[in-house]
Amino acid sequence: MKIKPVLLKLHRWVGLGICLWAAGLGLSGTILAFREQIESVVYPSYFLQSPAGAPNFDKMVESVQARYPDRQIVVFHRDGVYPNEAMHINLSRRSTEDDPVDIQAPTFNALFDPDIEVFVNPATGEILGERPFLNWMHIIYDFHTTLLAPINGKSYMGALGLALFFILISGIVYWWPRANWFWRSFRVVTDRGPRRFLRDIHTVGGAVTAIFLILSVTSGVLMCYEGPIQSALREWGIARHTFPKASTPAPPGTQFITPQQAADSTAAAYPDGDIVLMYPPSAGRGKYLIQIFPRHESRIWWTVEGTMDAVTGKFLSAFDPHNQPWANSYVLWIIFFHNGQMFGAPGRLVVMIEGIVMLMLCVTGPWVWVMGKRRSQAKAKAVKTAPVPAGVLVETLSGNSG
């Protein structure tokens, strides 16, 4: 049995099965490659201030709590690329004072629990605007990362990613030309009908970008299965635990340090970095979760993630790629490779092109298949309705009478 016809059939039917998802993946990836730039254009007064100045968390907390007394701050975050960025603060409605929202609680749903995203001048605490947390860009991001599934979304994306990986590999194997035909296989024929033209566009486009698409899909799958991979690496002794175990709930009346005090402690420990993510403590977790990027760099080569004791202000642990074995830090490198940030603007441009090509492949592939089916049906219909020649009819009748 020849392998190429089998691969073609599998390539075709698996591709048809996931083409809508893959098209959405390509489109969402294209948008997310320049997410910050797009949103700063759509909401210019929300995202950029000139100049913004150093963040003052106490002023931001005071301003936000005065405007939204019935809500709880879930997270502070910003992109950490530009010096004049606004701070984004996600808020959630309090249930009761004794039962605040806990970002790490098993019942917390990061997609639906926060209900407002507020934009604040980080230096003055001035509120610049607000929008629903479940906005169009967050929906695009959550589709791209979790398929909008609140539970096991990454696992579903990983399975679909493996199917897409198979499609790319099988397509390359089927397309791979015989000797002395390599460069000819990149030719696009334009004078033999639309089906041949679309088929050539599909195969050549896939062949030209195959290595980039395969690397992108591979990195995406590795991120989807980060947890099981890390567990296996720790079992084999290759990786090591870096974060402390979950803390017990803080006793009633525990006084936590303020976000500004946590920021000061972070600045003392990492003077060349900026806080881009901070989860405040809660009754269920007496720790700050903090992420630090290098100061105003468009190329993110490292990021530090740490947990800080919310009473003493001391770091309990810090995930610093400079001090970790590769098995611990590879996920961070893969993230920045996958979204193009590792290579700055050119890297993001490549990611955007990958998304456009993915969308093109998901349109041309089914289109070629539909045109082929119509042509086959038309031929079958023509054969069925074609008149029988007289000589053949007489010979057939004679044979039957005999």
Protein backbone atom coordinates (compact mmCIF):
# COMPACT_ATOMS: atom_id res chain seq x y z
CA MET A 1 0.00 0.00 0.00
CA LYS A 2 1.37 3.40 -1.00
CA ILE A 3 1.68 5.86 1.86
CA LYS A 4 0.95 9.12 0.01
CA PRO A 5 -2.68 8.38 -0.98
CA VAL A 6 -3.42 7.33 2.60
CA LEU A 7 -1.81 10.48 3.94
CA LEU A 8 -3.81 12.58 1.51
CA LYS A 9 -7.10 11.10 2.72
CA LEU A 10 -6.16 11.54 6.38
CA HIS A 11 -4.90 15.06 5.68
CA ARG A 12 -8.15 15.91 3.95
CA TRP A 13 -10.61 14.51 6.49
CA VAL A 14 -8.77 15.61 9.61
CA GLY A 15 -8.38 19.03 8.03
CA LEU A 16 -12.07 19.30 7.21
CA GLY A 17 -12.87 18.25 10.76
CA ILE A 18 -10.87 21.03 12.42
CA CYS A 19 -10.77 23.69 9.69
CA LEU A 20 -13.19 26.06 11.44
CA TRP A 21 -11.20 25.89 14.67
CA ALA A 22 -7.90 26.27 12.81
CA ALA A 23 -9.25 29.28 10.91
CA GLY A 24 -10.27 30.86 14.21
CA LEU A 25 -6.84 30.05 15.62
CA GLY A 26 -5.13 31.75 12.70
CA LEU A 27 -7.36 34.82 12.87
CA SER A 28 -7.06 35.17 16.64
CA GLY A 29 -3.28 34.68 16.49
CA THR A 30 -3.01 37.42 13.87
CA ILE A 31 -4.90 39.83 16.13
CA LEU A 32 -3.07 38.84 19.31
CA ALA A 33 0.34 39.33 17.70
CA PHE A 34 -0.26 43.09 17.97
CA ARG A 35 -2.84 43.11 20.75
CA GLU A 36 -1.32 46.00 22.68
CA GLN A 37 -0.93 48.16 19.58
CA ILE A 38 -4.48 47.45 18.41
CA GLU A 39 -6.06 48.24 21.75
CA SER A 40 -4.00 51.40 22.19
CA VAL A 41 -5.43 52.61 18.88
CA VAL A 42 -9.02 51.59 19.67
CA TYR A 43 -8.86 52.97 23.24
CA PRO A 44 -6.06 55.57 23.10
CA SER A 45 -7.05 57.39 26.29
CA TYR A 46 -7.30 54.10 28.20
CA PHE A 47 -3.99 52.51 27.31
CA LEU A 48 -1.39 55.23 26.95
CA GLN A 49 -0.61 58.36 28.94
CA SER A 50 2.30 60.71 28.30
CA PRO A 51 4.04 60.52 30.65
CA ALA A 52 2.54 58.06 33.10
CA GLY A 53 5.29 58.01 35.72
CA ALA A 54 6.20 55.37 38.28
CA PRO A 55 3.24 53.37 39.64
CA ASN A 56 1.83 54.42 43.00
CA PHE A 57 -0.30 51.50 44.12
CA ASP A 58 -1.68 53.27 47.18
CA LYS A 59 -3.12 56.06 45.03
CA MET A 60 -4.57 53.55 42.57
CA VAL A 61 -6.19 51.49 45.34
CA GLU A 62 -7.63 54.59 47.00
CA SER A 63 -9.05 55.90 43.73
CA VAL A 64 -10.54 52.58 42.64
CA GLN A 65 -12.07 51.73 46.01
CA ALA A 66 -13.65 55.18 46.22
CA ARG A 67 -15.24 54.76 42.78
CA TYR A 68 -16.20 51.09 43.20
CA PRO A 69 -16.86 50.44 46.91
CA ASP A 70 -18.87 47.28 46.20
CA ARG A 71 -16.09 45.56 44.26
CA GLN A 72 -12.83 43.83 45.08
CA ILE A 73 -9.53 44.25 43.26
CA VAL A 74 -8.62 40.90 41.73
CA VAL A 75 -5.43 41.80 39.84
CA PHE A 76 -3.21 44.69 38.71
CA HIS A 77 -1.64 44.17 35.30
CA ARG A 78 0.05 45.97 32.42
CA ASP A 79 2.12 44.90 29.43
CA GLY A 80 5.43 46.26 30.71
CA VAL A 81 6.70 47.26 27.28
CA TYR A 82 6.12 51.03 27.23
CA PRO A 83 6.99 53.53 29.98
CA ASN A 84 3.69 55.40 29.60
CA GLU A 85 1.29 52.47 29.95
CA ALA A 86 -1.87 52.69 32.01
CA MET A 87 -2.47 50.14 34.74
CA HIS A 88 -5.32 47.71 34.15
CA ILE A 89 -7.19 46.69 37.29
CA ASN A 90 -9.72 43.87 37.19
CA LEU A 91 -12.57 44.11 39.67
CA SER A 92 -15.11 41.59 40.89
CA ARG A 93 -18.23 42.06 42.97
CA ARG A 94 -17.79 41.08 46.59
CA SER A 95 -20.09 38.36 47.88
CA THR A 96 -19.51 39.23 51.54
CA GLU A 97 -16.61 40.72 53.47
CA ASP A 98 -16.00 37.30 55.03
CA ASP A 99 -15.94 35.56 51.69
CA PRO A 100 -13.89 37.67 49.23
CA VAL A 101 -13.01 36.57 45.75
CA ASP A 102 -9.83 34.48 45.69
CA ILE A 103 -8.04 34.21 42.37
CA GLN A 104 -6.58 30.83 43.39
CA ALA A 105 -9.76 29.33 44.80
CA PRO A 106 -10.97 26.21 42.93
CA THR A 107 -14.31 27.91 42.29
CA PHE A 108 -12.75 31.01 40.74
CA ASN A 109 -13.43 31.39 37.03
CA ALA A 110 -10.96 33.80 35.47
CA LEU A 111 -13.19 34.26 32.42
CA PHE A 112 -16.44 35.18 34.13
CA ASP A 113 -15.82 36.16 37.78
CA PRO A 114 -14.18 39.57 37.13
CA ASP A 115 -16.85 41.91 35.77
CA ILE A 116 -15.03 45.23 35.17
CA GLU A 117 -11.63 46.21 33.83
CA VAL A 118 -10.60 49.70 34.96
CA PHE A 119 -7.79 51.75 33.41
CA VAL A 120 -5.84 53.94 35.81
CA ASN A 121 -2.99 56.40 35.48
CA PRO A 122 -0.42 54.51 37.56
CA ALA A 123 1.28 57.65 38.92
CA THR A 124 -1.75 59.74 39.92
CA GLY A 125 -4.47 57.12 40.42
CA GLU A 126 -6.75 58.96 37.98
CA ILE A 127 -9.36 56.63 36.49
CA LEU A 128 -9.15 56.89 32.72
CA GLY A 129 -12.03 54.61 31.79
CA GLU A 130 -13.62 51.23 32.22
CA ARG A 131 -15.05 48.44 30.13
CA PRO A 132 -16.64 45.04 30.79
CA PHE A 133 -14.07 42.41 31.60
CA LEU A 134 -15.65 40.08 29.06
CA ASN A 135 -14.76 42.28 26.08
CA TRP A 136 -13.93 41.37 22.52
CA MET A 137 -10.15 41.16 23.03
CA HIS A 138 -10.45 38.95 26.12
CA ILE A 139 -12.82 36.67 24.25
CA ILE A 140 -10.31 36.39 21.39
CA TYR A 141 -7.48 35.67 23.85
CA ASP A 142 -9.46 33.03 25.76
CA PHE A 143 -10.55 31.35 22.54
CA HIS A 144 -6.93 31.20 21.40
CA THR A 145 -5.68 29.78 24.70
CA THR A 146 -8.55 27.74 26.18
CA LEU A 147 -11.24 27.44 23.49
CA LEU A 148 -13.50 29.45 25.87
CA ALA A 149 -13.83 26.32 28.00
CA PRO A 150 -13.73 27.15 31.74
CA ILE A 151 -12.51 23.64 32.61
CA ASN A 152 -9.77 21.67 30.81
CA GLY A 153 -9.69 24.23 28.00
CA LYS A 154 -5.94 23.87 27.53
CA SER A 155 -6.26 20.11 27.19
CA TYR A 156 -8.81 20.52 24.40
CA MET A 157 -6.56 23.01 22.66
CA GLY A 158 -3.63 20.63 23.02
CA ALA A 159 -5.55 17.78 21.38
CA LEU A 160 -6.61 20.01 18.50
CA GLY A 161 -3.03 21.24 18.24
CA LEU A 162 -1.79 17.67 17.85
CA ALA A 163 -4.31 17.15 15.05
CA LEU A 164 -3.06 20.33 13.37
CA PHE A 165 0.53 19.13 13.77
CA PHE A 166 -0.41 15.91 11.95
CA ILE A 167 -2.05 17.89 9.15
CA LEU A 168 1.08 19.98 8.63
CA ILE A 169 3.43 16.98 8.63
CA SER A 170 1.20 14.90 6.36
CA GLY A 171 0.80 17.82 3.98
CA ILE A 172 4.57 18.24 3.68
CA VAL A 173 5.12 14.51 3.15
CA TYR A 174 2.44 14.38 0.45
CA TRP A 175 3.73 17.52 -1.26
CA TRP A 176 7.44 16.63 -1.13
CA PRO A 177 8.54 16.46 -4.78
CA ARG A 178 10.62 13.84 -6.48
CA ALA A 179 14.21 14.44 -7.44
CA ASN A 180 14.90 17.34 -9.84
CA TRP A 181 11.38 18.72 -9.30
CA PHE A 182 11.91 20.61 -6.06
CA TRP A 183 11.85 24.17 -7.38
CA ARG A 184 9.12 23.36 -9.92
CA SER A 185 6.86 22.34 -7.06
CA PHE A 186 6.68 25.98 -5.96
CA ARG A 187 5.03 27.00 -9.23
CA VAL A 188 1.43 28.28 -9.16
CA VAL A 189 -0.47 27.49 -12.38
CA THR A 190 -2.98 30.18 -13.33
CA ASP A 191 -4.28 29.01 -16.73
CA ARG A 192 -5.83 25.63 -15.87
CA GLY A 193 -8.94 26.66 -14.03
CA PRO A 194 -9.77 27.95 -10.53
CA ARG A 195 -9.51 24.57 -8.82
CA ARG A 196 -5.92 24.01 -9.98
CA PHE A 197 -5.04 27.59 -9.02
CA LEU A 198 -6.50 27.25 -5.51
CA ARG A 199 -4.85 23.85 -5.05
CA ASP A 200 -1.47 25.30 -5.98
CA ILE A 201 -2.00 28.27 -3.65
CA HIS A 202 -2.87 25.83 -0.86
CA THR A 203 0.11 23.52 -1.37
CA VAL A 204 2.72 26.19 -2.10
CA GLY A 205 1.54 28.43 0.74
CA GLY A 206 1.68 25.52 3.14
CA ALA A 207 5.09 24.39 1.92
CA VAL A 208 6.66 27.85 2.16
CA THR A 209 5.46 28.50 5.71
CA ALA A 210 5.49 24.90 6.96
CA ILE A 211 8.53 25.17 9.21
CA PHE A 212 7.17 28.31 10.93
CA LEU A 213 3.71 26.81 11.36
CA ILE A 214 5.12 23.56 12.74
CA LEU A 215 7.28 25.43 15.27
CA SER A 216 4.33 27.60 16.29
CA VAL A 217 1.97 24.64 16.71
CA THR A 218 4.62 22.65 18.59
CA SER A 219 5.23 25.47 21.04
CA GLY A 220 1.48 25.88 21.52
CA VAL A 221 1.01 22.19 22.29
CA LEU A 222 3.89 22.25 24.78
CA MET A 223 2.25 25.17 26.58
CA CYS A 224 -1.10 23.37 26.67
CA TYR A 225 0.47 20.36 28.40
CA GLU A 226 2.86 22.36 30.59
CA GLY A 227 1.53 20.82 33.81
CA PRO A 228 1.93 17.12 32.88
CA ILE A 229 5.30 17.79 31.23
CA GLN A 230 6.61 19.62 34.29
CA SER A 231 5.35 16.85 36.59
CA ALA A 232 7.12 14.23 34.47
CA LEU A 233 10.35 16.25 34.43
CA ARG A 234 10.23 16.61 38.21
CA GLU A 235 9.64 12.87 38.59
CA TRP A 236 12.70 12.19 36.45
CA GLY A 237 14.78 14.64 38.50
CA ILE A 238 15.34 16.99 35.57
CA ALA A 239 13.19 19.86 36.90
CA ARG A 240 12.69 21.01 40.47
CA HIS A 241 9.91 22.57 42.50
CA THR A 242 10.19 26.34 42.66
CA PHE A 243 6.97 27.50 44.32
CA PRO A 244 5.95 26.75 47.91
CA LYS A 245 2.92 24.65 48.61
CA ALA A 246 -0.45 26.32 48.95
CA SER A 247 -0.69 28.28 52.16
CA THR A 248 -3.36 27.78 54.77
CA PRO A 249 -6.06 30.47 55.05
CA ALA A 250 -4.92 33.59 56.88
CA PRO A 251 -6.32 33.88 60.44
CA PRO A 252 -9.15 36.41 60.90
CA GLY A 253 -7.85 39.92 61.48
CA THR A 254 -4.49 39.34 59.79
CA GLN A 255 -2.99 42.63 58.65
CA PHE A 256 -1.48 42.41 55.17
CA ILE A 257 1.04 44.85 53.79
CA THR A 258 -0.36 47.23 51.17
CA PRO A 259 0.22 46.75 47.44
CA GLN A 260 2.60 49.72 47.52
CA GLN A 261 4.66 48.10 50.27
CA ALA A 262 4.76 44.91 48.21
CA ALA A 263 5.87 46.96 45.20
CA ASP A 264 8.63 48.62 47.26
CA SER A 265 9.91 45.26 48.42
CA THR A 266 9.89 44.04 44.83
CA ALA A 267 11.79 47.11 43.61
CA ALA A 268 14.44 46.54 46.29
CA ALA A 269 14.90 42.93 45.18
CA TYR A 270 14.66 43.59 41.41
CA PRO A 271 15.68 47.21 40.73
CA ASP A 272 15.90 46.69 36.95
CA GLY A 273 12.40 45.29 36.59
CA ASP A 274 8.82 46.52 36.59
CA ILE A 275 5.79 44.84 38.07
CA VAL A 276 3.46 43.80 35.27
CA LEU A 277 1.19 41.52 37.29
CA MET A 278 0.16 41.55 40.94
CA TYR A 279 -2.47 39.40 42.63
CA PRO A 280 -3.32 40.84 46.08
CA PRO A 281 -3.72 38.48 49.04
CA SER A 282 -7.07 37.34 50.32
CA ALA A 283 -8.51 35.51 53.29
CA GLY A 284 -7.77 32.24 51.49
CA ARG A 285 -4.21 33.10 50.49
CA GLY A 286 -1.86 35.23 52.55
CA LYS A 287 0.56 35.86 49.70
CA TYR A 288 1.13 38.28 46.87
CA LEU A 289 1.72 36.75 43.47
CA ILE A 290 3.96 39.04 41.43
CA GLN A 291 5.39 38.97 37.91
CA ILE A 292 8.29 41.21 36.86
CA PHE A 293 9.48 42.12 33.35
CA PRO A 294 12.70 43.91 32.39
CA ARG A 295 12.08 47.64 32.36
CA HIS A 296 10.39 48.84 29.17
CA GLU A 297 11.89 46.29 26.84
CA SER A 298 10.12 45.31 23.63
CA ARG A 299 12.12 42.06 23.60
CA ILE A 300 11.27 39.99 26.65
CA TRP A 301 14.22 37.70 27.37
CA TRP A 302 13.37 36.99 30.98
CA THR A 303 10.53 37.31 33.44
CA VAL A 304 10.48 36.68 37.16
CA GLU A 305 7.46 35.21 38.94
CA GLY A 306 7.49 35.34 42.71
CA THR A 307 5.37 34.75 45.77
CA MET A 308 5.68 37.21 48.63
CA ASP A 309 4.57 36.80 52.22
CA ALA A 310 1.72 39.29 52.58
CA VAL A 311 2.58 39.97 56.23
CA THR A 312 6.38 40.33 56.22
CA GLY A 313 6.95 41.43 52.61
CA LYS A 314 9.65 38.81 52.08
CA PHE A 315 9.80 36.72 48.94
CA LEU A 316 8.98 33.11 49.71
CA SER A 317 10.09 31.98 46.27
CA ALA A 318 11.06 33.49 42.96
CA PHE A 319 11.12 31.85 39.58
CA ASP A 320 14.08 33.56 37.90
CA PRO A 321 15.09 31.92 34.59
CA HIS A 322 18.70 32.95 35.19
CA ASN A 323 18.84 30.69 38.24
CA GLN A 324 16.78 27.78 36.97
CA PRO A 325 17.59 24.61 35.02
CA TRP A 326 16.31 24.61 31.46
CA ALA A 327 13.56 22.16 32.39
CA ASN A 328 12.06 24.80 34.70
CA SER A 329 12.39 27.82 32.47
CA TYR A 330 11.67 26.39 29.02
CA VAL A 331 7.95 27.22 29.31
CA LEU A 332 8.65 30.94 29.64
CA TRP A 333 10.95 30.86 26.63
CA ILE A 334 8.32 28.97 24.64
CA ILE A 335 5.65 31.55 25.52
CA PHE A 336 7.78 34.43 24.24
CA PHE A 337 8.81 32.39 21.20
CA HIS A 338 5.19 31.52 20.43
CA ASN A 339 3.89 35.09 20.58
CA GLY A 340 6.95 36.55 18.82
CA GLN A 341 8.02 38.78 21.71
CA MET A 342 11.38 37.05 21.91
CA PHE A 343 12.35 38.71 18.61
CA GLY A 344 10.60 42.05 19.04
CA ALA A 345 8.53 43.59 16.23
CA PRO A 346 9.94 41.27 13.50
CA GLY A 347 8.92 38.25 15.58
CA ARG A 348 5.39 39.55 15.99
CA LEU A 349 5.22 40.24 12.26
CA VAL A 350 6.14 36.62 11.53
CA VAL A 351 3.43 35.45 13.94
CA MET A 352 0.90 37.67 12.18
CA ILE A 353 1.89 36.25 8.77
CA GLU A 354 1.58 32.72 10.16
CA GLY A 355 -1.97 33.50 11.27
CA ILE A 356 -2.89 34.91 7.85
CA VAL A 357 -1.46 31.86 6.08
CA MET A 358 -3.30 29.54 8.47
CA LEU A 359 -6.56 31.30 7.66
CA MET A 360 -5.81 31.06 3.94
CA LEU A 361 -5.10 27.32 4.16
CA CYS A 362 -8.35 26.74 6.04
CA VAL A 363 -10.28 28.50 3.28
CA THR A 364 -8.56 27.12 0.18
CA GLY A 365 -8.42 23.51 1.40
CA PRO A 366 -12.18 23.01 1.88
CA TRP A 367 -12.86 25.09 -1.23
CA VAL A 368 -10.72 22.82 -3.40
CA TRP A 369 -12.45 19.79 -1.89
CA VAL A 370 -15.92 21.22 -2.61
CA MET A 371 -14.97 22.06 -6.19
CA GLY A 372 -13.62 18.54 -6.66
CA LYS A 373 -16.83 16.99 -5.33
CA ARG A 374 -18.92 19.13 -7.66
CA ARG A 375 -16.78 18.17 -10.63
CA SER A 376 -17.07 14.46 -9.77
CA GLN A 377 -20.83 14.75 -9.38
CA ALA A 378 -21.10 16.58 -12.68
CA LYS A 379 -19.11 13.86 -14.46
CA ALA A 380 -21.22 11.11 -12.91
CA LYS A 381 -24.39 12.88 -13.93
CA ALA A 382 -23.10 13.38 -17.47
CA VAL A 383 -22.27 9.67 -17.81
CA LYS A 384 -25.65 8.67 -16.42
CA THR A 385 -27.66 10.90 -18.76
CA ALA A 386 -25.56 10.43 -21.91
CA PRO A 387 -27.51 8.78 -24.82
CA VAL A 388 -26.52 5.22 -25.73
CA PRO A 389 -25.20 4.84 -29.34
CA ALA A 390 -27.58 2.91 -31.63
CA GLY A 391 -25.09 0.17 -32.44
CA VAL A 392 -24.44 -0.51 -28.81
CA LEU A 393 -28.17 -0.58 -28.08
CA VAL A 394 -28.86 -3.15 -30.89
CA GLU A 395 -25.95 -5.32 -29.75
CA THR A 396 -27.21 -5.20 -26.14
CA LEU A 397 -30.76 -6.14 -27.15
CA SER A 398 -29.50 -9.00 -29.33
CA GLY A 399 -27.44 -10.35 -26.51
CA ASN A 400 -30.40 -10.24 -24.16
CA SER A 401 -32.70 -12.02 -26.62
CA GLY A 402 -30.09 -14.75 -27.10
